[in-house]
PDBML (XML) file of the C-alpha atoms, coordinates in Angstrom:
<?xml version="1.0" encoding="UTF-8" ?>
<PDBx:datablock datablockName="MODEL"
   xmlns:PDBx="http://pdbml.pdb.org/schema/pdbx-v50.xsd"
   xmlns:xsi="http://www.w3.org/2001/XMLSchema-instance"
   xsi:schemaLocation="http://pdbml.pdb.org/schema/pdbx-v50.xsd pdbx-v50.xsd">
   <PDBx:atom_siteCategory>
      <PDBx:atom_site id="1">
         <PDBx:B_iso_or_equiv>0.00</PDBx:B_iso_or_equiv>
         <PDBx:Cartn_x>-69.060</PDBx:Cartn_x>
         <PDBx:Cartn_y>41.324</PDBx:Cartn_y>
         <PDBx:Cartn_z>-17.671</PDBx:Cartn_z>
         <PDBx:auth_asym_id>A</PDBx:auth_asym_id>
         <PDBx:auth_atom_id>CA</PDBx:auth_atom_id>
         <PDBx:auth_comp_id>UNK</PDBx:auth_comp_id>
         <PDBx:auth_seq_id>1</PDBx:auth_seq_id>
         <PDBx:group_PDB>ATOM</PDBx:group_PDB>
         <PDBx:label_alt_id xsi:nil="true" />
         <PDBx:label_asym_id>A</PDBx:label_asym_id>
         <PDBx:label_atom_id>CA</PDBx:label_atom_id>
         <PDBx:label_comp_id>UNK</PDBx:label_comp_id>
         <PDBx:label_entity_id>1</PDBx:label_entity_id>
         <PDBx:label_seq_id>1</PDBx:label_seq_id>
         <PDBx:occupancy>1.00</PDBx:occupancy>
         <PDBx:pdbx_PDB_model_num>1</PDBx:pdbx_PDB_model_num>
         <PDBx:type_symbol>C</PDBx:type_symbol>
      </PDBx:atom_site>
      <PDBx:atom_site id="2">
         <PDBx:B_iso_or_equiv>0.00</PDBx:B_iso_or_equiv>
         <PDBx:Cartn_x>-71.787</PDBx:Cartn_x>
         <PDBx:Cartn_y>39.239</PDBx:Cartn_y>
         <PDBx:Cartn_z>-16.027</PDBx:Cartn_z>
         <PDBx:auth_asym_id>A</PDBx:auth_asym_id>
         <PDBx:auth_atom_id>CA</PDBx:auth_atom_id>
         <PDBx:auth_comp_id>UNK</PDBx:auth_comp_id>
         <PDBx:auth_seq_id>2</PDBx:auth_seq_id>
         <PDBx:group_PDB>ATOM</PDBx:group_PDB>
         <PDBx:label_alt_id xsi:nil="true" />
         <PDBx:label_asym_id>A</PDBx:label_asym_id>
         <PDBx:label_atom_id>CA</PDBx:label_atom_id>
         <PDBx:label_comp_id>UNK</PDBx:label_comp_id>
         <PDBx:label_entity_id>1</PDBx:label_entity_id>
         <PDBx:label_seq_id>2</PDBx:label_seq_id>
         <PDBx:occupancy>1.00</PDBx:occupancy>
         <PDBx:pdbx_PDB_model_num>1</PDBx:pdbx_PDB_model_num>
         <PDBx:type_symbol>C</PDBx:type_symbol>
      </PDBx:atom_site>
      <PDBx:atom_site id="3">
         <PDBx:B_iso_or_equiv>0.00</PDBx:B_iso_or_equiv>
         <PDBx:Cartn_x>-69.177</PDBx:Cartn_x>
         <PDBx:Cartn_y>36.744</PDBx:Cartn_y>
         <PDBx:Cartn_z>-14.855</PDBx:Cartn_z>
         <PDBx:auth_asym_id>A</PDBx:auth_asym_id>
         <PDBx:auth_atom_id>CA</PDBx:auth_atom_id>
         <PDBx:auth_comp_id>UNK</PDBx:auth_comp_id>
         <PDBx:auth_seq_id>3</PDBx:auth_seq_id>
         <PDBx:group_PDB>ATOM</PDBx:group_PDB>
         <PDBx:label_alt_id xsi:nil="true" />
         <PDBx:label_asym_id>A</PDBx:label_asym_id>
         <PDBx:label_atom_id>CA</PDBx:label_atom_id>
         <PDBx:label_comp_id>UNK</PDBx:label_comp_id>
         <PDBx:label_entity_id>1</PDBx:label_entity_id>
         <PDBx:label_seq_id>3</PDBx:label_seq_id>
         <PDBx:occupancy>1.00</PDBx:occupancy>
         <PDBx:pdbx_PDB_model_num>1</PDBx:pdbx_PDB_model_num>
         <PDBx:type_symbol>C</PDBx:type_symbol>
      </PDBx:atom_site>
      <PDBx:atom_site id="4">
         <PDBx:B_iso_or_equiv>0.00</PDBx:B_iso_or_equiv>
         <PDBx:Cartn_x>-66.982</PDBx:Cartn_x>
         <PDBx:Cartn_y>39.285</PDBx:Cartn_y>
         <PDBx:Cartn_z>-13.080</PDBx:Cartn_z>
         <PDBx:auth_asym_id>A</PDBx:auth_asym_id>
         <PDBx:auth_atom_id>CA</PDBx:auth_atom_id>
         <PDBx:auth_comp_id>UNK</PDBx:auth_comp_id>
         <PDBx:auth_seq_id>4</PDBx:auth_seq_id>
         <PDBx:group_PDB>ATOM</PDBx:group_PDB>
         <PDBx:label_alt_id xsi:nil="true" />
         <PDBx:label_asym_id>A</PDBx:label_asym_id>
         <PDBx:label_atom_id>CA</PDBx:label_atom_id>
         <PDBx:label_comp_id>UNK</PDBx:label_comp_id>
         <PDBx:label_entity_id>1</PDBx:label_entity_id>
         <PDBx:label_seq_id>4</PDBx:label_seq_id>
         <PDBx:occupancy>1.00</PDBx:occupancy>
         <PDBx:pdbx_PDB_model_num>1</PDBx:pdbx_PDB_model_num>
         <PDBx:type_symbol>C</PDBx:type_symbol>
      </PDBx:atom_site>
      <PDBx:atom_site id="5">
         <PDBx:B_iso_or_equiv>0.00</PDBx:B_iso_or_equiv>
         <PDBx:Cartn_x>-69.625</PDBx:Cartn_x>
         <PDBx:Cartn_y>41.939</PDBx:Cartn_y>
         <PDBx:Cartn_z>-12.305</PDBx:Cartn_z>
         <PDBx:auth_asym_id>A</PDBx:auth_asym_id>
         <PDBx:auth_atom_id>CA</PDBx:auth_atom_id>
         <PDBx:auth_comp_id>UNK</PDBx:auth_comp_id>
         <PDBx:auth_seq_id>5</PDBx:auth_seq_id>
         <PDBx:group_PDB>ATOM</PDBx:group_PDB>
         <PDBx:label_alt_id xsi:nil="true" />
         <PDBx:label_asym_id>A</PDBx:label_asym_id>
         <PDBx:label_atom_id>CA</PDBx:label_atom_id>
         <PDBx:label_comp_id>UNK</PDBx:label_comp_id>
         <PDBx:label_entity_id>1</PDBx:label_entity_id>
         <PDBx:label_seq_id>5</PDBx:label_seq_id>
         <PDBx:occupancy>1.00</PDBx:occupancy>
         <PDBx:pdbx_PDB_model_num>1</PDBx:pdbx_PDB_model_num>
         <PDBx:type_symbol>C</PDBx:type_symbol>
      </PDBx:atom_site>
      <PDBx:atom_site id="6">
         <PDBx:B_iso_or_equiv>0.00</PDBx:B_iso_or_equiv>
         <PDBx:Cartn_x>-73.098</PDBx:Cartn_x>
         <PDBx:Cartn_y>40.307</PDBx:Cartn_y>
         <PDBx:Cartn_z>-12.224</PDBx:Cartn_z>
         <PDBx:auth_asym_id>A</PDBx:auth_asym_id>
         <PDBx:auth_atom_id>CA</PDBx:auth_atom_id>
         <PDBx:auth_comp_id>UNK</PDBx:auth_comp_id>
         <PDBx:auth_seq_id>6</PDBx:auth_seq_id>
         <PDBx:group_PDB>ATOM</PDBx:group_PDB>
         <PDBx:label_alt_id xsi:nil="true" />
         <PDBx:label_asym_id>A</PDBx:label_asym_id>
         <PDBx:label_atom_id>CA</PDBx:label_atom_id>
         <PDBx:label_comp_id>UNK</PDBx:label_comp_id>
         <PDBx:label_entity_id>1</PDBx:label_entity_id>
         <PDBx:label_seq_id>6</PDBx:label_seq_id>
         <PDBx:occupancy>1.00</PDBx:occupancy>
         <PDBx:pdbx_PDB_model_num>1</PDBx:pdbx_PDB_model_num>
         <PDBx:type_symbol>C</PDBx:type_symbol>
      </PDBx:atom_site>
      <PDBx:atom_site id="7">
         <PDBx:B_iso_or_equiv>0.00</PDBx:B_iso_or_equiv>
         <PDBx:Cartn_x>-75.064</PDBx:Cartn_x>
         <PDBx:Cartn_y>43.536</PDBx:Cartn_y>
         <PDBx:Cartn_z>-11.832</PDBx:Cartn_z>
         <PDBx:auth_asym_id>A</PDBx:auth_asym_id>
         <PDBx:auth_atom_id>CA</PDBx:auth_atom_id>
         <PDBx:auth_comp_id>UNK</PDBx:auth_comp_id>
         <PDBx:auth_seq_id>7</PDBx:auth_seq_id>
         <PDBx:group_PDB>ATOM</PDBx:group_PDB>
         <PDBx:label_alt_id xsi:nil="true" />
         <PDBx:label_asym_id>A</PDBx:label_asym_id>
         <PDBx:label_atom_id>CA</PDBx:label_atom_id>
         <PDBx:label_comp_id>UNK</PDBx:label_comp_id>
         <PDBx:label_entity_id>1</PDBx:label_entity_id>
         <PDBx:label_seq_id>7</PDBx:label_seq_id>
         <PDBx:occupancy>1.00</PDBx:occupancy>
         <PDBx:pdbx_PDB_model_num>1</PDBx:pdbx_PDB_model_num>
         <PDBx:type_symbol>C</PDBx:type_symbol>
      </PDBx:atom_site>
      <PDBx:atom_site id="8">
         <PDBx:B_iso_or_equiv>0.00</PDBx:B_iso_or_equiv>
         <PDBx:Cartn_x>-77.496</PDBx:Cartn_x>
         <PDBx:Cartn_y>43.213</PDBx:Cartn_y>
         <PDBx:Cartn_z>-14.762</PDBx:Cartn_z>
         <PDBx:auth_asym_id>A</PDBx:auth_asym_id>
         <PDBx:auth_atom_id>CA</PDBx:auth_atom_id>
         <PDBx:auth_comp_id>UNK</PDBx:auth_comp_id>
         <PDBx:auth_seq_id>8</PDBx:auth_seq_id>
         <PDBx:group_PDB>ATOM</PDBx:group_PDB>
         <PDBx:label_alt_id xsi:nil="true" />
         <PDBx:label_asym_id>A</PDBx:label_asym_id>
         <PDBx:label_atom_id>CA</PDBx:label_atom_id>
         <PDBx:label_comp_id>UNK</PDBx:label_comp_id>
         <PDBx:label_entity_id>1</PDBx:label_entity_id>
         <PDBx:label_seq_id>8</PDBx:label_seq_id>
         <PDBx:occupancy>1.00</PDBx:occupancy>
         <PDBx:pdbx_PDB_model_num>1</PDBx:pdbx_PDB_model_num>
         <PDBx:type_symbol>C</PDBx:type_symbol>
      </PDBx:atom_site>
      <PDBx:atom_site id="9">
         <PDBx:B_iso_or_equiv>0.00</PDBx:B_iso_or_equiv>
         <PDBx:Cartn_x>-78.534</PDBx:Cartn_x>
         <PDBx:Cartn_y>39.557</PDBx:Cartn_y>
         <PDBx:Cartn_z>-14.737</PDBx:Cartn_z>
         <PDBx:auth_asym_id>A</PDBx:auth_asym_id>
         <PDBx:auth_atom_id>CA</PDBx:auth_atom_id>
         <PDBx:auth_comp_id>UNK</PDBx:auth_comp_id>
         <PDBx:auth_seq_id>9</PDBx:auth_seq_id>
         <PDBx:group_PDB>ATOM</PDBx:group_PDB>
         <PDBx:label_alt_id xsi:nil="true" />
         <PDBx:label_asym_id>A</PDBx:label_asym_id>
         <PDBx:label_atom_id>CA</PDBx:label_atom_id>
         <PDBx:label_comp_id>UNK</PDBx:label_comp_id>
         <PDBx:label_entity_id>1</PDBx:label_entity_id>
         <PDBx:label_seq_id>9</PDBx:label_seq_id>
         <PDBx:occupancy>1.00</PDBx:occupancy>
         <PDBx:pdbx_PDB_model_num>1</PDBx:pdbx_PDB_model_num>
         <PDBx:type_symbol>C</PDBx:type_symbol>
      </PDBx:atom_site>
      <PDBx:atom_site id="10">
         <PDBx:B_iso_or_equiv>0.00</PDBx:B_iso_or_equiv>
         <PDBx:Cartn_x>-81.859</PDBx:Cartn_x>
         <PDBx:Cartn_y>38.815</PDBx:Cartn_y>
         <PDBx:Cartn_z>-16.415</PDBx:Cartn_z>
         <PDBx:auth_asym_id>A</PDBx:auth_asym_id>
         <PDBx:auth_atom_id>CA</PDBx:auth_atom_id>
         <PDBx:auth_comp_id>UNK</PDBx:auth_comp_id>
         <PDBx:auth_seq_id>10</PDBx:auth_seq_id>
         <PDBx:group_PDB>ATOM</PDBx:group_PDB>
         <PDBx:label_alt_id xsi:nil="true" />
         <PDBx:label_asym_id>A</PDBx:label_asym_id>
         <PDBx:label_atom_id>CA</PDBx:label_atom_id>
         <PDBx:label_comp_id>UNK</PDBx:label_comp_id>
         <PDBx:label_entity_id>1</PDBx:label_entity_id>
         <PDBx:label_seq_id>10</PDBx:label_seq_id>
         <PDBx:occupancy>1.00</PDBx:occupancy>
         <PDBx:pdbx_PDB_model_num>1</PDBx:pdbx_PDB_model_num>
         <PDBx:type_symbol>C</PDBx:type_symbol>
      </PDBx:atom_site>
      <PDBx:atom_site id="11">
         <PDBx:B_iso_or_equiv>0.00</PDBx:B_iso_or_equiv>
         <PDBx:Cartn_x>-84.069</PDBx:Cartn_x>
         <PDBx:Cartn_y>35.840</PDBx:Cartn_y>
         <PDBx:Cartn_z>-17.136</PDBx:Cartn_z>
         <PDBx:auth_asym_id>A</PDBx:auth_asym_id>
         <PDBx:auth_atom_id>CA</PDBx:auth_atom_id>
         <PDBx:auth_comp_id>UNK</PDBx:auth_comp_id>
         <PDBx:auth_seq_id>11</PDBx:auth_seq_id>
         <PDBx:group_PDB>ATOM</PDBx:group_PDB>
         <PDBx:label_alt_id xsi:nil="true" />
         <PDBx:label_asym_id>A</PDBx:label_asym_id>
         <PDBx:label_atom_id>CA</PDBx:label_atom_id>
         <PDBx:label_comp_id>UNK</PDBx:label_comp_id>
         <PDBx:label_entity_id>1</PDBx:label_entity_id>
         <PDBx:label_seq_id>11</PDBx:label_seq_id>
         <PDBx:occupancy>1.00</PDBx:occupancy>
         <PDBx:pdbx_PDB_model_num>1</PDBx:pdbx_PDB_model_num>
         <PDBx:type_symbol>C</PDBx:type_symbol>
      </PDBx:atom_site>
      <PDBx:atom_site id="12">
         <PDBx:B_iso_or_equiv>0.00</PDBx:B_iso_or_equiv>
         <PDBx:Cartn_x>-84.086</PDBx:Cartn_x>
         <PDBx:Cartn_y>36.821</PDBx:Cartn_y>
         <PDBx:Cartn_z>-20.821</PDBx:Cartn_z>
         <PDBx:auth_asym_id>A</PDBx:auth_asym_id>
         <PDBx:auth_atom_id>CA</PDBx:auth_atom_id>
         <PDBx:auth_comp_id>UNK</PDBx:auth_comp_id>
         <PDBx:auth_seq_id>12</PDBx:auth_seq_id>
         <PDBx:group_PDB>ATOM</PDBx:group_PDB>
         <PDBx:label_alt_id xsi:nil="true" />
         <PDBx:label_asym_id>A</PDBx:label_asym_id>
         <PDBx:label_atom_id>CA</PDBx:label_atom_id>
         <PDBx:label_comp_id>UNK</PDBx:label_comp_id>
         <PDBx:label_entity_id>1</PDBx:label_entity_id>
         <PDBx:label_seq_id>12</PDBx:label_seq_id>
         <PDBx:occupancy>1.00</PDBx:occupancy>
         <PDBx:pdbx_PDB_model_num>1</PDBx:pdbx_PDB_model_num>
         <PDBx:type_symbol>C</PDBx:type_symbol>
      </PDBx:atom_site>
      <PDBx:atom_site id="13">
         <PDBx:B_iso_or_equiv>0.00</PDBx:B_iso_or_equiv>
         <PDBx:Cartn_x>-81.976</PDBx:Cartn_x>
         <PDBx:Cartn_y>39.139</PDBx:Cartn_y>
         <PDBx:Cartn_z>-22.983</PDBx:Cartn_z>
         <PDBx:auth_asym_id>A</PDBx:auth_asym_id>
         <PDBx:auth_atom_id>CA</PDBx:auth_atom_id>
         <PDBx:auth_comp_id>UNK</PDBx:auth_comp_id>
         <PDBx:auth_seq_id>13</PDBx:auth_seq_id>
         <PDBx:group_PDB>ATOM</PDBx:group_PDB>
         <PDBx:label_alt_id xsi:nil="true" />
         <PDBx:label_asym_id>A</PDBx:label_asym_id>
         <PDBx:label_atom_id>CA</PDBx:label_atom_id>
         <PDBx:label_comp_id>UNK</PDBx:label_comp_id>
         <PDBx:label_entity_id>1</PDBx:label_entity_id>
         <PDBx:label_seq_id>13</PDBx:label_seq_id>
         <PDBx:occupancy>1.00</PDBx:occupancy>
         <PDBx:pdbx_PDB_model_num>1</PDBx:pdbx_PDB_model_num>
         <PDBx:type_symbol>C</PDBx:type_symbol>
      </PDBx:atom_site>
      <PDBx:atom_site id="14">
         <PDBx:B_iso_or_equiv>0.00</PDBx:B_iso_or_equiv>
         <PDBx:Cartn_x>-83.092</PDBx:Cartn_x>
         <PDBx:Cartn_y>41.253</PDBx:Cartn_y>
         <PDBx:Cartn_z>-25.938</PDBx:Cartn_z>
         <PDBx:auth_asym_id>A</PDBx:auth_asym_id>
         <PDBx:auth_atom_id>CA</PDBx:auth_atom_id>
         <PDBx:auth_comp_id>UNK</PDBx:auth_comp_id>
         <PDBx:auth_seq_id>14</PDBx:auth_seq_id>
         <PDBx:group_PDB>ATOM</PDBx:group_PDB>
         <PDBx:label_alt_id xsi:nil="true" />
         <PDBx:label_asym_id>A</PDBx:label_asym_id>
         <PDBx:label_atom_id>CA</PDBx:label_atom_id>
         <PDBx:label_comp_id>UNK</PDBx:label_comp_id>
         <PDBx:label_entity_id>1</PDBx:label_entity_id>
         <PDBx:label_seq_id>14</PDBx:label_seq_id>
         <PDBx:occupancy>1.00</PDBx:occupancy>
         <PDBx:pdbx_PDB_model_num>1</PDBx:pdbx_PDB_model_num>
         <PDBx:type_symbol>C</PDBx:type_symbol>
      </PDBx:atom_site>
      <PDBx:atom_site id="15">
         <PDBx:B_iso_or_equiv>0.00</PDBx:B_iso_or_equiv>
         <PDBx:Cartn_x>-81.591</PDBx:Cartn_x>
         <PDBx:Cartn_y>40.569</PDBx:Cartn_y>
         <PDBx:Cartn_z>-29.339</PDBx:Cartn_z>
         <PDBx:auth_asym_id>A</PDBx:auth_asym_id>
         <PDBx:auth_atom_id>CA</PDBx:auth_atom_id>
         <PDBx:auth_comp_id>UNK</PDBx:auth_comp_id>
         <PDBx:auth_seq_id>15</PDBx:auth_seq_id>
         <PDBx:group_PDB>ATOM</PDBx:group_PDB>
         <PDBx:label_alt_id xsi:nil="true" />
         <PDBx:label_asym_id>A</PDBx:label_asym_id>
         <PDBx:label_atom_id>CA</PDBx:label_atom_id>
         <PDBx:label_comp_id>UNK</PDBx:label_comp_id>
         <PDBx:label_entity_id>1</PDBx:label_entity_id>
         <PDBx:label_seq_id>15</PDBx:label_seq_id>
         <PDBx:occupancy>1.00</PDBx:occupancy>
         <PDBx:pdbx_PDB_model_num>1</PDBx:pdbx_PDB_model_num>
         <PDBx:type_symbol>C</PDBx:type_symbol>
      </PDBx:atom_site>
      <PDBx:atom_site id="16">
         <PDBx:B_iso_or_equiv>0.00</PDBx:B_iso_or_equiv>
         <PDBx:Cartn_x>-79.834</PDBx:Cartn_x>
         <PDBx:Cartn_y>43.725</PDBx:Cartn_y>
         <PDBx:Cartn_z>-30.614</PDBx:Cartn_z>
         <PDBx:auth_asym_id>A</PDBx:auth_asym_id>
         <PDBx:auth_atom_id>CA</PDBx:auth_atom_id>
         <PDBx:auth_comp_id>UNK</PDBx:auth_comp_id>
         <PDBx:auth_seq_id>16</PDBx:auth_seq_id>
         <PDBx:group_PDB>ATOM</PDBx:group_PDB>
         <PDBx:label_alt_id xsi:nil="true" />
         <PDBx:label_asym_id>A</PDBx:label_asym_id>
         <PDBx:label_atom_id>CA</PDBx:label_atom_id>
         <PDBx:label_comp_id>UNK</PDBx:label_comp_id>
         <PDBx:label_entity_id>1</PDBx:label_entity_id>
         <PDBx:label_seq_id>16</PDBx:label_seq_id>
         <PDBx:occupancy>1.00</PDBx:occupancy>
         <PDBx:pdbx_PDB_model_num>1</PDBx:pdbx_PDB_model_num>
         <PDBx:type_symbol>C</PDBx:type_symbol>
      </PDBx:atom_site>
      <PDBx:atom_site id="17">
         <PDBx:B_iso_or_equiv>0.00</PDBx:B_iso_or_equiv>
         <PDBx:Cartn_x>-82.022</PDBx:Cartn_x>
         <PDBx:Cartn_y>45.712</PDBx:Cartn_y>
         <PDBx:Cartn_z>-33.024</PDBx:Cartn_z>
         <PDBx:auth_asym_id>A</PDBx:auth_asym_id>
         <PDBx:auth_atom_id>CA</PDBx:auth_atom_id>
         <PDBx:auth_comp_id>UNK</PDBx:auth_comp_id>
         <PDBx:auth_seq_id>17</PDBx:auth_seq_id>
         <PDBx:group_PDB>ATOM</PDBx:group_PDB>
         <PDBx:label_alt_id xsi:nil="true" />
         <PDBx:label_asym_id>A</PDBx:label_asym_id>
         <PDBx:label_atom_id>CA</PDBx:label_atom_id>
         <PDBx:label_comp_id>UNK</PDBx:label_comp_id>
         <PDBx:label_entity_id>1</PDBx:label_entity_id>
         <PDBx:label_seq_id>17</PDBx:label_seq_id>
         <PDBx:occupancy>1.00</PDBx:occupancy>
         <PDBx:pdbx_PDB_model_num>1</PDBx:pdbx_PDB_model_num>
         <PDBx:type_symbol>C</PDBx:type_symbol>
      </PDBx:atom_site>
      <PDBx:atom_site id="18">
         <PDBx:B_iso_or_equiv>0.00</PDBx:B_iso_or_equiv>
         <PDBx:Cartn_x>-79.062</PDBx:Cartn_x>
         <PDBx:Cartn_y>46.949</PDBx:Cartn_y>
         <PDBx:Cartn_z>-35.081</PDBx:Cartn_z>
         <PDBx:auth_asym_id>A</PDBx:auth_asym_id>
         <PDBx:auth_atom_id>CA</PDBx:auth_atom_id>
         <PDBx:auth_comp_id>UNK</PDBx:auth_comp_id>
         <PDBx:auth_seq_id>18</PDBx:auth_seq_id>
         <PDBx:group_PDB>ATOM</PDBx:group_PDB>
         <PDBx:label_alt_id xsi:nil="true" />
         <PDBx:label_asym_id>A</PDBx:label_asym_id>
         <PDBx:label_atom_id>CA</PDBx:label_atom_id>
         <PDBx:label_comp_id>UNK</PDBx:label_comp_id>
         <PDBx:label_entity_id>1</PDBx:label_entity_id>
         <PDBx:label_seq_id>18</PDBx:label_seq_id>
         <PDBx:occupancy>1.00</PDBx:occupancy>
         <PDBx:pdbx_PDB_model_num>1</PDBx:pdbx_PDB_model_num>
         <PDBx:type_symbol>C</PDBx:type_symbol>
      </PDBx:atom_site>
      <PDBx:atom_site id="19">
         <PDBx:B_iso_or_equiv>0.00</PDBx:B_iso_or_equiv>
         <PDBx:Cartn_x>-76.524</PDBx:Cartn_x>
         <PDBx:Cartn_y>44.284</PDBx:Cartn_y>
         <PDBx:Cartn_z>-35.997</PDBx:Cartn_z>
         <PDBx:auth_asym_id>A</PDBx:auth_asym_id>
         <PDBx:auth_atom_id>CA</PDBx:auth_atom_id>
         <PDBx:auth_comp_id>UNK</PDBx:auth_comp_id>
         <PDBx:auth_seq_id>19</PDBx:auth_seq_id>
         <PDBx:group_PDB>ATOM</PDBx:group_PDB>
         <PDBx:label_alt_id xsi:nil="true" />
         <PDBx:label_asym_id>A</PDBx:label_asym_id>
         <PDBx:label_atom_id>CA</PDBx:label_atom_id>
         <PDBx:label_comp_id>UNK</PDBx:label_comp_id>
         <PDBx:label_entity_id>1</PDBx:label_entity_id>
         <PDBx:label_seq_id>19</PDBx:label_seq_id>
         <PDBx:occupancy>1.00</PDBx:occupancy>
         <PDBx:pdbx_PDB_model_num>1</PDBx:pdbx_PDB_model_num>
         <PDBx:type_symbol>C</PDBx:type_symbol>
      </PDBx:atom_site>
      <PDBx:atom_site id="20">
         <PDBx:B_iso_or_equiv>0.00</PDBx:B_iso_or_equiv>
         <PDBx:Cartn_x>-72.937</PDBx:Cartn_x>
         <PDBx:Cartn_y>45.219</PDBx:Cartn_y>
         <PDBx:Cartn_z>-36.775</PDBx:Cartn_z>
         <PDBx:auth_asym_id>A</PDBx:auth_asym_id>
         <PDBx:auth_atom_id>CA</PDBx:auth_atom_id>
         <PDBx:auth_comp_id>UNK</PDBx:auth_comp_id>
         <PDBx:auth_seq_id>20</PDBx:auth_seq_id>
         <PDBx:group_PDB>ATOM</PDBx:group_PDB>
         <PDBx:label_alt_id xsi:nil="true" />
         <PDBx:label_asym_id>A</PDBx:label_asym_id>
         <PDBx:label_atom_id>CA</PDBx:label_atom_id>
         <PDBx:label_comp_id>UNK</PDBx:label_comp_id>
         <PDBx:label_entity_id>1</PDBx:label_entity_id>
         <PDBx:label_seq_id>20</PDBx:label_seq_id>
         <PDBx:occupancy>1.00</PDBx:occupancy>
         <PDBx:pdbx_PDB_model_num>1</PDBx:pdbx_PDB_model_num>
         <PDBx:type_symbol>C</PDBx:type_symbol>
      </PDBx:atom_site>
      <PDBx:atom_site id="21">
         <PDBx:B_iso_or_equiv>0.00</PDBx:B_iso_or_equiv>
         <PDBx:Cartn_x>-69.653</PDBx:Cartn_x>
         <PDBx:Cartn_y>45.932</PDBx:Cartn_y>
         <PDBx:Cartn_z>-35.041</PDBx:Cartn_z>
         <PDBx:auth_asym_id>A</PDBx:auth_asym_id>
         <PDBx:auth_atom_id>CA</PDBx:auth_atom_id>
         <PDBx:auth_comp_id>UNK</PDBx:auth_comp_id>
         <PDBx:auth_seq_id>21</PDBx:auth_seq_id>
         <PDBx:group_PDB>ATOM</PDBx:group_PDB>
         <PDBx:label_alt_id xsi:nil="true" />
         <PDBx:label_asym_id>A</PDBx:label_asym_id>
         <PDBx:label_atom_id>CA</PDBx:label_atom_id>
         <PDBx:label_comp_id>UNK</PDBx:label_comp_id>
         <PDBx:label_entity_id>1</PDBx:label_entity_id>
         <PDBx:label_seq_id>21</PDBx:label_seq_id>
         <PDBx:occupancy>1.00</PDBx:occupancy>
         <PDBx:pdbx_PDB_model_num>1</PDBx:pdbx_PDB_model_num>
         <PDBx:type_symbol>C</PDBx:type_symbol>
      </PDBx:atom_site>
      <PDBx:atom_site id="22">
         <PDBx:B_iso_or_equiv>0.00</PDBx:B_iso_or_equiv>
         <PDBx:Cartn_x>-70.627</PDBx:Cartn_x>
         <PDBx:Cartn_y>48.130</PDBx:Cartn_y>
         <PDBx:Cartn_z>-32.115</PDBx:Cartn_z>
         <PDBx:auth_asym_id>A</PDBx:auth_asym_id>
         <PDBx:auth_atom_id>CA</PDBx:auth_atom_id>
         <PDBx:auth_comp_id>UNK</PDBx:auth_comp_id>
         <PDBx:auth_seq_id>22</PDBx:auth_seq_id>
         <PDBx:group_PDB>ATOM</PDBx:group_PDB>
         <PDBx:label_alt_id xsi:nil="true" />
         <PDBx:label_asym_id>A</PDBx:label_asym_id>
         <PDBx:label_atom_id>CA</PDBx:label_atom_id>
         <PDBx:label_comp_id>UNK</PDBx:label_comp_id>
         <PDBx:label_entity_id>1</PDBx:label_entity_id>
         <PDBx:label_seq_id>22</PDBx:label_seq_id>
         <PDBx:occupancy>1.00</PDBx:occupancy>
         <PDBx:pdbx_PDB_model_num>1</PDBx:pdbx_PDB_model_num>
         <PDBx:type_symbol>C</PDBx:type_symbol>
      </PDBx:atom_site>
      <PDBx:atom_site id="23">
         <PDBx:B_iso_or_equiv>0.00</PDBx:B_iso_or_equiv>
         <PDBx:Cartn_x>-68.553</PDBx:Cartn_x>
         <PDBx:Cartn_y>48.734</PDBx:Cartn_y>
         <PDBx:Cartn_z>-28.990</PDBx:Cartn_z>
         <PDBx:auth_asym_id>A</PDBx:auth_asym_id>
         <PDBx:auth_atom_id>CA</PDBx:auth_atom_id>
         <PDBx:auth_comp_id>UNK</PDBx:auth_comp_id>
         <PDBx:auth_seq_id>23</PDBx:auth_seq_id>
         <PDBx:group_PDB>ATOM</PDBx:group_PDB>
         <PDBx:label_alt_id xsi:nil="true" />
         <PDBx:label_asym_id>A</PDBx:label_asym_id>
         <PDBx:label_atom_id>CA</PDBx:label_atom_id>
         <PDBx:label_comp_id>UNK</PDBx:label_comp_id>
         <PDBx:label_entity_id>1</PDBx:label_entity_id>
         <PDBx:label_seq_id>23</PDBx:label_seq_id>
         <PDBx:occupancy>1.00</PDBx:occupancy>
         <PDBx:pdbx_PDB_model_num>1</PDBx:pdbx_PDB_model_num>
         <PDBx:type_symbol>C</PDBx:type_symbol>
      </PDBx:atom_site>
      <PDBx:atom_site id="24">
         <PDBx:B_iso_or_equiv>0.00</PDBx:B_iso_or_equiv>
         <PDBx:Cartn_x>-69.580</PDBx:Cartn_x>
         <PDBx:Cartn_y>45.450</PDBx:Cartn_y>
         <PDBx:Cartn_z>-27.379</PDBx:Cartn_z>
         <PDBx:auth_asym_id>A</PDBx:auth_asym_id>
         <PDBx:auth_atom_id>CA</PDBx:auth_atom_id>
         <PDBx:auth_comp_id>UNK</PDBx:auth_comp_id>
         <PDBx:auth_seq_id>24</PDBx:auth_seq_id>
         <PDBx:group_PDB>ATOM</PDBx:group_PDB>
         <PDBx:label_alt_id xsi:nil="true" />
         <PDBx:label_asym_id>A</PDBx:label_asym_id>
         <PDBx:label_atom_id>CA</PDBx:label_atom_id>
         <PDBx:label_comp_id>UNK</PDBx:label_comp_id>
         <PDBx:label_entity_id>1</PDBx:label_entity_id>
         <PDBx:label_seq_id>24</PDBx:label_seq_id>
         <PDBx:occupancy>1.00</PDBx:occupancy>
         <PDBx:pdbx_PDB_model_num>1</PDBx:pdbx_PDB_model_num>
         <PDBx:type_symbol>C</PDBx:type_symbol>
      </PDBx:atom_site>
      <PDBx:atom_site id="25">
         <PDBx:B_iso_or_equiv>0.00</PDBx:B_iso_or_equiv>
         <PDBx:Cartn_x>-68.687</PDBx:Cartn_x>
         <PDBx:Cartn_y>43.508</PDBx:Cartn_y>
         <PDBx:Cartn_z>-30.532</PDBx:Cartn_z>
         <PDBx:auth_asym_id>A</PDBx:auth_asym_id>
         <PDBx:auth_atom_id>CA</PDBx:auth_atom_id>
         <PDBx:auth_comp_id>UNK</PDBx:auth_comp_id>
         <PDBx:auth_seq_id>25</PDBx:auth_seq_id>
         <PDBx:group_PDB>ATOM</PDBx:group_PDB>
         <PDBx:label_alt_id xsi:nil="true" />
         <PDBx:label_asym_id>A</PDBx:label_asym_id>
         <PDBx:label_atom_id>CA</PDBx:label_atom_id>
         <PDBx:label_comp_id>UNK</PDBx:label_comp_id>
         <PDBx:label_entity_id>1</PDBx:label_entity_id>
         <PDBx:label_seq_id>25</PDBx:label_seq_id>
         <PDBx:occupancy>1.00</PDBx:occupancy>
         <PDBx:pdbx_PDB_model_num>1</PDBx:pdbx_PDB_model_num>
         <PDBx:type_symbol>C</PDBx:type_symbol>
      </PDBx:atom_site>
   </PDBx:atom_siteCategory>
</PDBx:datablock>
């Protein structure tokens, strides 16, 4: 997503609180 639509670039990224197969996974 960031490669084709770099709209939410950040210096750091939060680790997901809940691990598991969500939509992004």
